[in-house]
């Protein structure tokens, strides 16, 4: 803008001023940059050319680290004092390299434990600032480690140790049977890991530390095994689980029918207290009837050589009630 003025004598004077008008806010486009080490969280770049950066997480740099899922908002100020903002949503964060703190088997001395972060890393940093692969601890607590590999990628893990004075493990469990499904409760003491073998086939079916369930494919007698382990060793408990065939139910208390010897190999003697007409039925573990005879007060039955060893069920039937008891043939 320029102006010229004249006085009453006809003399003139000129002057000018330059005014710049900024008509828009700064444009902000946040760029997502992959970590140069191809691991760890993304980097967010708000762009250069601004004199001030203010992110919602409190950072004030042009580039920040996006280490959690969510929205990242930045407000920038240019050299003219104009302000603008931009936002970027991060829906995933690259995984850190895996690391798992384990407790080494150092015997069962009870005064210390050795924590191991594993091999294959270039550097280690524990919560006590030590830098070795392992950490020897003498008190309970929570322990952290950060590892870095040859590419500069990092990973972290945390382990809480509740007791340094380790005792031998004690395996213990109970179970409740409901048809073919059995619910197991782990009552073991002093163990770090658990291995369940529900059907006695030598394979690990579960590693649950508290409650677990297993559905058996057919009726029979099974060796349910729990192995409880810590650095002192392994304790094993085996209990018999009996799965009844459909339609057969064994009462918890069934007076009136005695079977002996049981287990048996050559013969059994059935003794009943009823004076009513009665019959006995012998079932195999699958519920198939293999013998049915009338019954007096006492009856001796020789074991058929074709009957395989295993679980059987003997049912005493009268016009008043039925009594069922299990029989083991050897």
C-alpha atoms as a PDB file:
ATOM      1  CA  UNK A   1       0.000   0.000   0.000  1.00  0.00           C
ATOM      2  CA  UNK A   2       1.315   3.556  -0.902  1.00  0.00           C
ATOM      3  CA  UNK A   3       0.159   7.064  -0.065  1.00  0.00           C
ATOM      4  CA  UNK A   4       1.049  10.585  -1.392  1.00  0.00           C
ATOM      5  CA  UNK A   5       0.242  13.772   0.506  1.00  0.00           C
ATOM      6  CA  UNK A   6       0.431  17.515  -0.498  1.00  0.00           C
ATOM      7  CA  UNK A   7       0.675  20.553   1.668  1.00  0.00           C
ATOM      8  CA  UNK A   8      -0.807  24.005   0.918  1.00  0.00           C
ATOM      9  CA  UNK A   9       2.335  25.080  -0.891  1.00  0.00           C
ATOM     10  CA  UNK A  10       2.011  22.251  -3.352  1.00  0.00           C
ATOM     11  CA  UNK A  11       4.852  20.163  -1.911  1.00  0.00           C
ATOM     12  CA  UNK A  12       4.248  16.380  -1.780  1.00  0.00           C
ATOM     13  CA  UNK A  13       5.558  13.401   0.166  1.00  0.00           C
ATOM     14  CA  UNK A  14       5.113   9.625  -0.517  1.00  0.00           C
ATOM     15  CA  UNK A  15       5.233   6.550   1.751  1.00  0.00           C
ATOM     16  CA  UNK A  16       4.341   2.826   1.438  1.00  0.00           C
ATOM     17  CA  UNK A  17       3.870  -0.297   3.597  1.00  0.00           C
ATOM     18  CA  UNK A  18       3.872  -4.021   2.678  1.00  0.00           C
ATOM     19  CA  UNK A  19       1.279  -6.232   4.392  1.00  0.00           C
ATOM     20  CA  UNK A  20       1.194 -10.045   4.035  1.00  0.00           C
ATOM     21  CA  UNK A  21      -2.093 -11.770   4.870  1.00  0.00           C
ATOM     22  CA  UNK A  22      -2.015 -15.566   5.708  1.00  0.00           C
ATOM     23  CA  UNK A  23      -5.312 -17.044   4.603  1.00  0.00           C
ATOM     24  CA  UNK A  24      -5.114 -20.628   5.954  1.00  0.00           C
ATOM     25  CA  UNK A  25      -4.005 -22.850   8.846  1.00  0.00           C
ATOM     26  CA  UNK A  26      -0.896 -24.988   8.440  1.00  0.00           C
ATOM     27  CA  UNK A  27      -1.662 -28.338   6.786  1.00  0.00           C
ATOM     28  CA  UNK A  28      -0.547 -31.299   8.890  1.00  0.00           C
ATOM     29  CA  UNK A  29      -0.294 -34.833   7.495  1.00  0.00           C
ATOM     30  CA  UNK A  30       1.146 -37.356   9.953  1.00  0.00           C
ATOM     31  CA  UNK A  31       3.299 -39.962   8.242  1.00  0.00           C
ATOM     32  CA  UNK A  32       3.703 -43.503   9.640  1.00  0.00           C
ATOM     33  CA  UNK A  33       7.312 -44.641   9.435  1.00  0.00           C
ATOM     34  CA  UNK A  34       8.282 -48.265  10.013  1.00  0.00           C
ATOM     35  CA  UNK A  35      10.948 -48.805  12.601  1.00  0.00           C
ATOM     36  CA  UNK A  36      14.329 -48.777  10.821  1.00  0.00           C
ATOM     37  CA  UNK A  37      15.198 -52.051  12.588  1.00  0.00           C
ATOM     38  CA  UNK A  38      12.017 -53.715  11.254  1.00  0.00           C
ATOM     39  CA  UNK A  39      10.823 -54.417  14.778  1.00  0.00           C
ATOM     40  CA  UNK A  40       9.147 -52.676  17.635  1.00  0.00           C
ATOM     41  CA  UNK A  41       6.592 -49.848  17.434  1.00  0.00           C
ATOM     42  CA  UNK A  42       5.969 -47.473  14.512  1.00  0.00           C
ATOM     43  CA  UNK A  43       7.321 -43.908  14.312  1.00  0.00           C
ATOM     44  CA  UNK A  44       4.962 -40.989  13.603  1.00  0.00           C
ATOM     45  CA  UNK A  45       6.286 -37.899  11.750  1.00  0.00           C
ATOM     46  CA  UNK A  46       4.281 -34.647  11.846  1.00  0.00           C
ATOM     47  CA  UNK A  47       6.400 -33.119   9.074  1.00  0.00           C
ATOM     48  CA  UNK A  48       9.075 -30.418   9.081  1.00  0.00           C
ATOM     49  CA  UNK A  49       8.745 -26.659   8.637  1.00  0.00           C
ATOM     50  CA  UNK A  50       7.033 -25.916  11.934  1.00  0.00           C
ATOM     51  CA  UNK A  51       8.515 -24.196  14.962  1.00  0.00           C
ATOM     52  CA  UNK A  52       6.440 -26.007  17.591  1.00  0.00           C
ATOM     53  CA  UNK A  53       4.906 -29.483  18.010  1.00  0.00           C
ATOM     54  CA  UNK A  54       2.515 -30.554  20.758  1.00  0.00           C
ATOM     55  CA  UNK A  55       1.265 -34.169  20.885  1.00  0.00           C
ATOM     56  CA  UNK A  56      -1.574 -35.317  23.138  1.00  0.00           C
ATOM     57  CA  UNK A  57       0.813 -37.660  24.978  1.00  0.00           C
ATOM     58  CA  UNK A  58       2.859 -34.628  26.061  1.00  0.00           C
ATOM     59  CA  UNK A  59       5.762 -35.008  23.602  1.00  0.00           C
ATOM     60  CA  UNK A  60       6.999 -31.956  21.702  1.00  0.00           C
ATOM     61  CA  UNK A  61       9.176 -33.459  18.971  1.00  0.00           C
ATOM     62  CA  UNK A  62       8.523 -33.772  15.252  1.00  0.00           C
ATOM     63  CA  UNK A  63       8.794 -37.598  15.404  1.00  0.00           C
ATOM     64  CA  UNK A  64       7.364 -39.759  18.192  1.00  0.00           C
ATOM     65  CA  UNK A  65       7.031 -43.498  18.894  1.00  0.00           C
ATOM     66  CA  UNK A  66       3.575 -45.089  18.588  1.00  0.00           C
ATOM     67  CA  UNK A  67       3.898 -47.997  21.000  1.00  0.00           C
ATOM     68  CA  UNK A  68       0.196 -48.551  21.739  1.00  0.00           C
ATOM     69  CA  UNK A  69      -2.967 -48.892  19.688  1.00  0.00           C
ATOM     70  CA  UNK A  70      -5.048 -45.700  19.544  1.00  0.00           C
ATOM     71  CA  UNK A  71      -5.309 -42.153  18.162  1.00  0.00           C
ATOM     72  CA  UNK A  72      -2.349 -39.762  18.074  1.00  0.00           C
ATOM     73  CA  UNK A  73      -3.143 -35.995  17.742  1.00  0.00           C
ATOM     74  CA  UNK A  74      -0.561 -33.276  17.143  1.00  0.00           C
ATOM     75  CA  UNK A  75      -0.927 -29.482  17.089  1.00  0.00           C
ATOM     76  CA  UNK A  76       1.747 -27.509  15.201  1.00  0.00           C
ATOM     77  CA  UNK A  77       2.666 -23.822  15.022  1.00  0.00           C
ATOM     78  CA  UNK A  78       4.354 -22.264  11.993  1.00  0.00           C
ATOM     79  CA  UNK A  79       6.722 -19.274  11.829  1.00  0.00           C
ATOM     80  CA  UNK A  80       3.787 -16.897  11.441  1.00  0.00           C
ATOM     81  CA  UNK A  81       2.171 -18.081  14.660  1.00  0.00           C
ATOM     82  CA  UNK A  82      -0.599 -19.924  12.837  1.00  0.00           C
ATOM     83  CA  UNK A  83      -1.703 -23.248  14.310  1.00  0.00           C
ATOM     84  CA  UNK A  84      -2.990 -26.449  12.721  1.00  0.00           C
ATOM     85  CA  UNK A  85      -3.559 -30.029  13.815  1.00  0.00           C
ATOM     86  CA  UNK A  86      -3.536 -33.569  12.480  1.00  0.00           C
ATOM     87  CA  UNK A  87      -4.544 -36.994  13.783  1.00  0.00           C
ATOM     88  CA  UNK A  88      -3.502 -40.574  13.012  1.00  0.00           C
ATOM     89  CA  UNK A  89      -5.073 -43.816  14.295  1.00  0.00           C
ATOM     90  CA  UNK A  90      -2.800 -46.815  14.878  1.00  0.00           C
ATOM     91  CA  UNK A  91      -4.715 -50.113  14.833  1.00  0.00           C
ATOM     92  CA  UNK A  92      -1.792 -52.471  15.442  1.00  0.00           C
ATOM     93  CA  UNK A  93       1.707 -52.404  16.880  1.00  0.00           C
ATOM     94  CA  UNK A  94       4.463 -54.744  15.668  1.00  0.00           C
ATOM     95  CA  UNK A  95       5.429 -57.391  18.206  1.00  0.00           C
ATOM     96  CA  UNK A  96       8.612 -57.132  20.177  1.00  0.00           C
ATOM     97  CA  UNK A  97      11.053 -60.027  19.952  1.00  0.00           C
ATOM     98  CA  UNK A  98       9.980 -62.873  22.268  1.00  0.00           C
ATOM     99  CA  UNK A  99      11.728 -63.456  25.579  1.00  0.00           C
ATOM    100  CA  UNK A 100      10.698 -65.750  28.451  1.00  0.00           C
ATOM    101  CA  UNK A 101      12.301 -65.783  31.891  1.00  0.00           C
ATOM    102  CA  UNK A 102      12.669 -69.323  33.249  1.00  0.00           C
ATOM    103  CA  UNK A 103      13.923 -70.706  36.542  1.00  0.00           C
ATOM    104  CA  UNK A 104      16.960 -72.918  36.112  1.00  0.00           C
ATOM    105  CA  UNK A 105      17.140 -76.332  37.762  1.00  0.00           C
ATOM    106  CA  UNK A 106      19.808 -75.543  40.338  1.00  0.00           C
ATOM    107  CA  UNK A 107      18.933 -78.316  42.740  1.00  0.00           C
ATOM    108  CA  UNK A 108      16.856 -77.837  45.866  1.00  0.00           C
ATOM    109  CA  UNK A 109      19.122 -75.908  48.204  1.00  0.00           C
ATOM    110  CA  UNK A 110      16.452 -73.405  49.167  1.00  0.00           C
ATOM    111  CA  UNK A 111      18.573 -70.247  49.585  1.00  0.00           C
ATOM    112  CA  UNK A 112      18.620 -68.846  46.031  1.00  0.00           C
ATOM    113  CA  UNK A 113      17.193 -69.207  42.543  1.00  0.00           C
ATOM    114  CA  UNK A 114      18.711 -68.567  39.121  1.00  0.00           C
ATOM    115  CA  UNK A 115      16.564 -66.757  36.535  1.00  0.00           C
ATOM    116  CA  UNK A 116      17.480 -67.277  32.876  1.00  0.00           C
ATOM    117  CA  UNK A 117      16.441 -64.954  30.005  1.00  0.00           C
ATOM    118  CA  UNK A 118      17.588 -67.436  27.345  1.00  0.00           C
ATOM    119  CA  UNK A 119      20.277 -67.454  24.692  1.00  0.00           C
ATOM    120  CA  UNK A 120      20.470 -65.755  21.299  1.00  0.00           C
ATOM    121  CA  UNK A 121      20.443 -62.099  22.360  1.00  0.00           C
ATOM    122  CA  UNK A 122      23.205 -59.499  22.091  1.00  0.00           C
ATOM    123  CA  UNK A 123      22.475 -57.710  25.345  1.00  0.00           C
ATOM    124  CA  UNK A 124      20.556 -58.156  28.588  1.00  0.00           C
ATOM    125  CA  UNK A 125      19.391 -55.602  31.149  1.00  0.00           C
ATOM    126  CA  UNK A 126      17.783 -56.845  34.381  1.00  0.00           C
ATOM    127  CA  UNK A 127      15.808 -54.818  36.887  1.00  0.00           C
ATOM    128  CA  UNK A 128      18.874 -54.625  39.161  1.00  0.00           C
ATOM    129  CA  UNK A 129      20.920 -53.166  36.232  1.00  0.00           C
ATOM    130  CA  UNK A 130      22.959 -56.355  35.775  1.00  0.00           C
ATOM    131  CA  UNK A 131      23.673 -57.355  32.181  1.00  0.00           C
ATOM    132  CA  UNK A 132      24.152 -61.122  32.179  1.00  0.00           C
ATOM    133  CA  UNK A 133      21.967 -63.833  30.652  1.00  0.00           C
ATOM    134  CA  UNK A 134      21.104 -65.109  34.142  1.00  0.00           C
ATOM    135  CA  UNK A 135      20.225 -63.447  37.425  1.00  0.00           C
ATOM    136  CA  UNK A 136      20.700 -65.061  40.839  1.00  0.00           C
ATOM    137  CA  UNK A 137      18.089 -63.935  43.365  1.00  0.00           C
ATOM    138  CA  UNK A 138      18.045 -64.385  47.131  1.00  0.00           C
ATOM    139  CA  UNK A 139      14.698 -62.764  47.972  1.00  0.00           C
ATOM    140  CA  UNK A 140      11.146 -63.075  46.563  1.00  0.00           C
ATOM    141  CA  UNK A 141       9.963 -60.281  44.283  1.00  0.00           C
ATOM    142  CA  UNK A 142       9.117 -59.222  40.746  1.00  0.00           C
ATOM    143  CA  UNK A 143      11.967 -59.238  38.242  1.00  0.00           C
ATOM    144  CA  UNK A 144      12.212 -57.668  34.774  1.00  0.00           C
ATOM    145  CA  UNK A 145      14.574 -58.168  31.869  1.00  0.00           C
ATOM    146  CA  UNK A 146      15.018 -56.329  28.566  1.00  0.00           C
ATOM    147  CA  UNK A 147      16.913 -58.069  25.763  1.00  0.00           C
ATOM    148  CA  UNK A 148      18.222 -56.778  22.437  1.00  0.00           C
ATOM    149  CA  UNK A 149      19.158 -58.804  19.372  1.00  0.00           C
ATOM    150  CA  UNK A 150      21.772 -58.162  16.664  1.00  0.00           C
ATOM    151  CA  UNK A 151      19.340 -55.935  14.722  1.00  0.00           C
ATOM    152  CA  UNK A 152      18.684 -53.707  17.696  1.00  0.00           C
ATOM    153  CA  UNK A 153      15.214 -55.143  18.250  1.00  0.00           C
ATOM    154  CA  UNK A 154      14.149 -55.383  21.879  1.00  0.00           C
ATOM    155  CA  UNK A 155      11.893 -57.571  23.988  1.00  0.00           C
ATOM    156  CA  UNK A 156      10.816 -57.560  27.639  1.00  0.00           C
ATOM    157  CA  UNK A 157       9.524 -60.075  30.181  1.00  0.00           C
ATOM    158  CA  UNK A 158       8.542 -60.061  33.851  1.00  0.00           C
ATOM    159  CA  UNK A 159       8.495 -62.881  36.400  1.00  0.00           C
ATOM    160  CA  UNK A 160       7.157 -62.795  39.959  1.00  0.00           C
ATOM    161  CA  UNK A 161       8.796 -65.188  42.443  1.00  0.00           C
ATOM    162  CA  UNK A 162       6.782 -65.700  45.617  1.00  0.00           C
ATOM    163  CA  UNK A 163       9.104 -68.014  47.522  1.00  0.00           C
ATOM    164  CA  UNK A 164      12.853 -68.611  47.380  1.00  0.00           C
ATOM    165  CA  UNK A 165      12.863 -71.496  49.846  1.00  0.00           C
ATOM    166  CA  UNK A 166      11.706 -74.139  47.418  1.00  0.00           C
ATOM    167  CA  UNK A 167      10.299 -77.387  48.771  1.00  0.00           C
ATOM    168  CA  UNK A 168       9.749 -80.660  46.991  1.00  0.00           C
ATOM    169  CA  UNK A 169       6.552 -80.696  44.901  1.00  0.00           C
ATOM    170  CA  UNK A 170       3.519 -82.623  46.125  1.00  0.00           C
ATOM    171  CA  UNK A 171       1.074 -83.776  43.454  1.00  0.00           C
ATOM    172  CA  UNK A 172      -2.554 -83.954  44.559  1.00  0.00           C
ATOM    173  CA  UNK A 173      -5.907 -83.747  42.795  1.00  0.00           C
ATOM    174  CA  UNK A 174      -9.558 -84.647  43.179  1.00  0.00           C
ATOM    175  CA  UNK A 175     -12.228 -85.245  40.566  1.00  0.00           C
ATOM    176  CA  UNK A 176     -15.973 -85.387  40.061  1.00  0.00           C
ATOM    177  CA  UNK A 177     -17.529 -87.681  37.452  1.00  0.00           C
ATOM    178  CA  UNK A 178     -20.647 -86.688  35.487  1.00  0.00           C
ATOM    179  CA  UNK A 179     -21.333 -89.264  32.810  1.00  0.00           C
ATOM    180  CA  UNK A 180     -18.401 -89.386  30.402  1.00  0.00           C
ATOM    181  CA  UNK A 181     -17.041 -86.002  31.566  1.00  0.00           C
ATOM    182  CA  UNK A 182     -14.761 -85.717  34.581  1.00  0.00           C
ATOM    183  CA  UNK A 183     -13.889 -82.415  36.262  1.00  0.00           C
ATOM    184  CA  UNK A 184     -10.426 -82.398  37.845  1.00  0.00           C
ATOM    185  CA  UNK A 185      -9.222 -80.016  40.587  1.00  0.00           C
ATOM    186  CA  UNK A 186      -5.495 -79.522  41.131  1.00  0.00           C
ATOM    187  CA  UNK A 187      -4.505 -79.343  44.824  1.00  0.00           C
ATOM    188  CA  UNK A 188      -0.741 -79.757  44.325  1.00  0.00           C
ATOM    189  CA  UNK A 189       1.763 -77.860  46.452  1.00  0.00           C
ATOM    190  CA  UNK A 190       5.137 -76.226  45.664  1.00  0.00           C
ATOM    191  CA  UNK A 191       5.008 -76.918  41.918  1.00  0.00           C
ATOM    192  CA  UNK A 192       5.922 -74.644  39.002  1.00  0.00           C
ATOM    193  CA  UNK A 193       4.519 -76.716  36.114  1.00  0.00           C
ATOM    194  CA  UNK A 194       1.921 -79.465  35.729  1.00  0.00           C
ATOM    195  CA  UNK A 195       1.301 -82.273  33.246  1.00  0.00           C
ATOM    196  CA  UNK A 196      -2.000 -84.189  33.114  1.00  0.00           C
ATOM    197  CA  UNK A 197      -2.440 -87.606  31.474  1.00  0.00           C
ATOM    198  CA  UNK A 198      -6.132 -88.382  31.846  1.00  0.00           C
ATOM    199  CA  UNK A 199      -6.350 -91.764  30.119  1.00  0.00           C
ATOM    200  CA  UNK A 200      -3.007 -93.412  30.897  1.00  0.00           C
ATOM    201  CA  UNK A 201      -1.660 -93.377  27.333  1.00  0.00           C
ATOM    202  CA  UNK A 202       1.568 -91.641  28.356  1.00  0.00           C
ATOM    203  CA  UNK A 203       0.752 -88.404  26.518  1.00  0.00           C
ATOM    204  CA  UNK A 204       0.300 -84.985  28.132  1.00  0.00           C
ATOM    205  CA  UNK A 205      -3.354 -83.955  27.720  1.00  0.00           C
ATOM    206  CA  UNK A 206      -3.323 -80.686  29.691  1.00  0.00           C
ATOM    207  CA  UNK A 207      -1.041 -78.388  31.712  1.00  0.00           C
ATOM    208  CA  UNK A 208      -3.646 -76.549  33.794  1.00  0.00           C
ATOM    209  CA  UNK A 209      -2.624 -75.392  37.246  1.00  0.00           C
ATOM    210  CA  UNK A 210      -6.121 -75.246  38.770  1.00  0.00           C
ATOM    211  CA  UNK A 211      -9.268 -76.700  37.185  1.00  0.00           C
ATOM    212  CA  UNK A 212      -9.634 -78.753  34.016  1.00  0.00           C
ATOM    213  CA  UNK A 213     -12.118 -81.165  32.435  1.00  0.00           C
ATOM    214  CA  UNK A 214     -11.789 -84.236  30.234  1.00  0.00           C
ATOM    215  CA  UNK A 215     -14.417 -86.206  28.328  1.00  0.00           C
ATOM    216  CA  UNK A 216     -13.657 -89.912  28.022  1.00  0.00           C
ATOM    217  CA  UNK A 217     -14.555 -91.575  24.715  1.00  0.00           C
ATOM    218  CA  UNK A 218     -15.941 -94.776  26.260  1.00  0.00           C
ATOM    219  CA  UNK A 219     -16.652 -96.478  29.592  1.00  0.00           C
ATOM    220  CA  UNK A 220     -13.887 -98.228  31.505  1.00  0.00           C
ATOM    221  CA  UNK A 221     -11.188 -97.831  34.135  1.00  0.00           C
ATOM    222  CA  UNK A 222      -8.499 -95.238  33.435  1.00  0.00           C
ATOM    223  CA  UNK A 223      -5.295 -94.218  35.180  1.00  0.00           C
ATOM    224  CA  UNK A 224      -5.485 -90.434  35.586  1.00  0.00           C
ATOM    225  CA  UNK A 225      -2.001 -89.076  36.246  1.00  0.00           C
ATOM    226  CA  UNK A 226      -0.803 -85.668  37.445  1.00  0.00           C
ATOM    227  CA  UNK A 227       2.901 -84.770  37.421  1.00  0.00           C
ATOM    228  CA  UNK A 228       3.818 -81.702  39.492  1.00  0.00           C
ATOM    229  CA  UNK A 229       7.312 -80.283  38.913  1.00  0.00           C
ATOM    230  CA  UNK A 230       9.644 -77.646  40.344  1.00  0.00           C
ATOM    231  CA  UNK A 231      13.423 -77.306  40.523  1.00  0.00           C
ATOM    232  CA  UNK A 232      13.533 -79.977  43.237  1.00  0.00           C
ATOM    233  CA  UNK A 233      12.062 -82.615  40.941  1.00  0.00           C
ATOM    234  CA  UNK A 234       8.735 -84.155  39.985  1.00  0.00           C
ATOM    235  CA  UNK A 235       6.031 -85.795  42.072  1.00  0.00           C
ATOM    236  CA  UNK A 236       3.474 -88.055  40.398  1.00  0.00           C
ATOM    237  CA  UNK A 237       0.014 -89.072  41.565  1.00  0.00           C
ATOM    238  CA  UNK A 238      -2.099 -91.705  39.806  1.00  0.00           C
ATOM    239  CA  UNK A 239      -5.774 -92.285  40.597  1.00  0.00           C
ATOM    240  CA  UNK A 240      -8.281 -94.688  39.060  1.00  0.00           C
ATOM    241  CA  UNK A 241     -11.141 -93.029  37.203  1.00  0.00           C
ATOM    242  CA  UNK A 242     -14.125 -95.310  36.601  1.00  0.00           C
ATOM    243  CA  UNK A 243     -16.482 -94.338  33.791  1.00  0.00           C
ATOM    244  CA  UNK A 244     -19.766 -96.249  34.027  1.00  0.00           C
ATOM    245  CA  UNK A 245     -21.637 -97.425  30.926  1.00  0.00           C
ATOM    246  CA  UNK A 246     -24.940 -95.715  30.182  1.00  0.00           C
ATOM    247  CA  UNK A 247     -27.748 -97.012  32.372  1.00  0.00           C
ATOM    248  CA  UNK A 248     -25.504 -98.336  35.167  1.00  0.00           C
ATOM    249  CA  UNK A 249     -25.204 -96.376  38.402  1.00  0.00           C
ATOM    250  CA  UNK A 250     -23.308 -97.452  41.500  1.00  0.00           C
ATOM    251  CA  UNK A 251     -24.821 -96.218  44.756  1.00  0.00           C
ATOM    252  CA  UNK A 252     -22.449 -94.779  47.318  1.00  0.00           C
ATOM    253  CA  UNK A 253     -23.785 -97.237  49.940  1.00  0.00           C
ATOM    254  CA  UNK A 254     -25.428-100.468  48.835  1.00  0.00           C
ATOM    255  CA  UNK A 255     -25.941-102.978  51.663  1.00  0.00           C
ATOM    256  CA  UNK A 256     -27.440-106.341  50.814  1.00  0.00           C
ATOM    257  CA  UNK A 257     -24.862-107.590  48.271  1.00  0.00           C
ATOM    258  CA  UNK A 258     -21.328-108.704  49.004  1.00  0.00           C
ATOM    259  CA  UNK A 259     -18.784-109.829  46.393  1.00  0.00           C
ATOM    260  CA  UNK A 260     -15.580-111.641  47.323  1.00  0.00           C
ATOM    261  CA  UNK A 261     -12.800-112.014  46.487  1.00  0.00           C
ATOM    262  CA  UNK A 262     -12.678-108.692  44.647  1.00  0.00           C
ATOM    263  CA  UNK A 263     -10.491-108.372  42.611  1.00  0.00           C
ATOM    264  CA  UNK A 264     -10.956-111.976  41.492  1.00  0.00           C
ATOM    265  CA  UNK A 265      -9.256-114.306  39.028  1.00  0.00           C
ATOM    266  CA  UNK A 266     -10.787-117.825  39.423  1.00  0.00           C
ATOM    267  CA  UNK A 267     -14.206-117.394  41.017  1.00  0.00           C
ATOM    268  CA  UNK A 268     -16.435-115.009  42.931  1.00  0.00           C
ATOM    269  CA  UNK A 269     -18.891-115.606  45.730  1.00  0.00           C
ATOM    270  CA  UNK A 270     -22.032-113.486  45.789  1.00  0.00           C
ATOM    271  CA  UNK A 271     -23.777-113.165  49.126  1.00  0.00           C
ATOM    272  CA  UNK A 272     -27.080-111.357  49.520  1.00  0.00           C
ATOM    273  CA  UNK A 273     -29.285-110.738  52.546  1.00  0.00           C
ATOM    274  CA  UNK A 274     -32.617-110.606  50.752  1.00  0.00           C
ATOM    275  CA  UNK A 275     -35.266-113.308  51.192  1.00  0.00           C
ATOM    276  CA  UNK A 276     -37.111-112.192  48.070  1.00  0.00           C
ATOM    277  CA  UNK A 277     -36.730-113.928  44.704  1.00  0.00           C
ATOM    278  CA  UNK A 278     -33.687-112.397  43.059  1.00  0.00           C
ATOM    279  CA  UNK A 279     -31.475-112.623  40.009  1.00  0.00           C
ATOM    280  CA  UNK A 280     -27.979-111.380  39.241  1.00  0.00           C
ATOM    281  CA  UNK A 281     -26.746-109.813  36.021  1.00  0.00           C
ATOM    282  CA  UNK A 282     -23.074-109.401  35.110  1.00  0.00           C
ATOM    283  CA  UNK A 283     -22.114-106.555  32.751  1.00  0.00           C
ATOM    284  CA  UNK A 284     -18.758-105.785  31.184  1.00  0.00           C
ATOM    285  CA  UNK A 285     -17.310-102.252  31.170  1.00  0.00           C
ATOM    286  CA  UNK A 286     -19.202-101.382  27.986  1.00  0.00           C
ATOM    287  CA  UNK A 287     -22.552-102.335  29.557  1.00  0.00           C
ATOM    288  CA  UNK A 288     -22.977-105.604  27.655  1.00  0.00           C
ATOM    289  CA  UNK A 289     -24.701-108.443  29.557  1.00  0.00           C
ATOM    290  CA  UNK A 290     -22.412-111.482  29.769  1.00  0.00           C
ATOM    291  CA  UNK A 291     -24.213-113.500  32.455  1.00  0.00           C
ATOM    292  CA  UNK A 292     -27.704-113.590  33.996  1.00  0.00           C
ATOM    293  CA  UNK A 293     -28.805-116.173  36.593  1.00  0.00           C
ATOM    294  CA  UNK A 294     -31.246-116.645  39.434  1.00  0.00           C
ATOM    295  CA  UNK A 295     -29.828-115.905  42.842  1.00  0.00           C
ATOM    296  CA  UNK A 296     -30.144-117.552  46.238  1.00  0.00           C
ATOM    297  CA  UNK A 297     -28.639-116.220  49.418  1.00  0.00           C
ATOM    298  CA  UNK A 298     -25.139-117.279  48.305  1.00  0.00           C
ATOM    299  CA  UNK A 299     -23.836-118.135  44.883  1.00  0.00           C
ATOM    300  CA  UNK A 300     -20.396-119.186  43.613  1.00  0.00           C
ATOM    301  CA  UNK A 301     -19.601-118.266  40.028  1.00  0.00           C
ATOM    302  CA  UNK A 302     -16.492-119.520  38.240  1.00  0.00           C
ATOM    303  CA  UNK A 303     -14.716-116.988  36.040  1.00  0.00           C
ATOM    304  CA  UNK A 304     -15.056-117.806  32.368  1.00  0.00           C
ATOM    305  CA  UNK A 305     -11.647-117.972  30.669  1.00  0.00           C
ATOM    306  CA  UNK A 306     -13.068-115.895  27.812  1.00  0.00           C
ATOM    307  CA  UNK A 307     -13.841-112.975  30.095  1.00  0.00           C
ATOM    308  CA  UNK A 308     -10.943-110.494  29.766  1.00  0.00           C
ATOM    309  CA  UNK A 309      -9.461-108.805  32.810  1.00  0.00           C
ATOM    310  CA  UNK A 310     -10.943-105.426  33.643  1.00  0.00           C
ATOM    311  CA  UNK A 311     -13.991-103.721  35.105  1.00  0.00           C
ATOM    312  CA  UNK A 312     -17.365-105.477  35.443  1.00  0.00           C
ATOM    313  CA  UNK A 313     -20.654-104.650  37.119  1.00  0.00           C
ATOM    314  CA  UNK A 314     -22.822-107.025  39.148  1.00  0.00           C
ATOM    315  CA  UNK A 315     -26.484-106.088  39.610  1.00  0.00           C
ATOM    316  CA  UNK A 316     -28.740-107.830  42.120  1.00  0.00           C
ATOM    317  CA  UNK A 317     -32.370-107.491  41.054  1.00  0.00           C
ATOM    318  CA  UNK A 318     -35.437-108.097  43.239  1.00  0.00           C
ATOM    319  CA  UNK A 319     -39.033-106.983  42.929  1.00  0.00           C
ATOM    320  CA  UNK A 320     -38.212-104.244  45.463  1.00  0.00           C
ATOM    321  CA  UNK A 321     -34.917-102.752  44.252  1.00  0.00           C
ATOM    322  CA  UNK A 322     -31.705-103.177  42.283  1.00  0.00           C
ATOM    323  CA  UNK A 323     -28.228-103.140  43.814  1.00  0.00           C
ATOM    324  CA  UNK A 324     -25.138-102.624  41.600  1.00  0.00           C
ATOM    325  CA  UNK A 325     -21.511-103.102  42.604  1.00  0.00           C
ATOM    326  CA  UNK A 326     -18.297-103.132  40.652  1.00  0.00           C
ATOM    327  CA  UNK A 327     -16.128-106.201  40.153  1.00  0.00           C
ATOM    328  CA  UNK A 328     -12.506-106.286  39.035  1.00  0.00           C
ATOM    329  CA  UNK A 329     -11.285-109.363  37.183  1.00  0.00           C
ATOM    330  CA  UNK A 330      -7.561-109.980  37.081  1.00  0.00           C
END
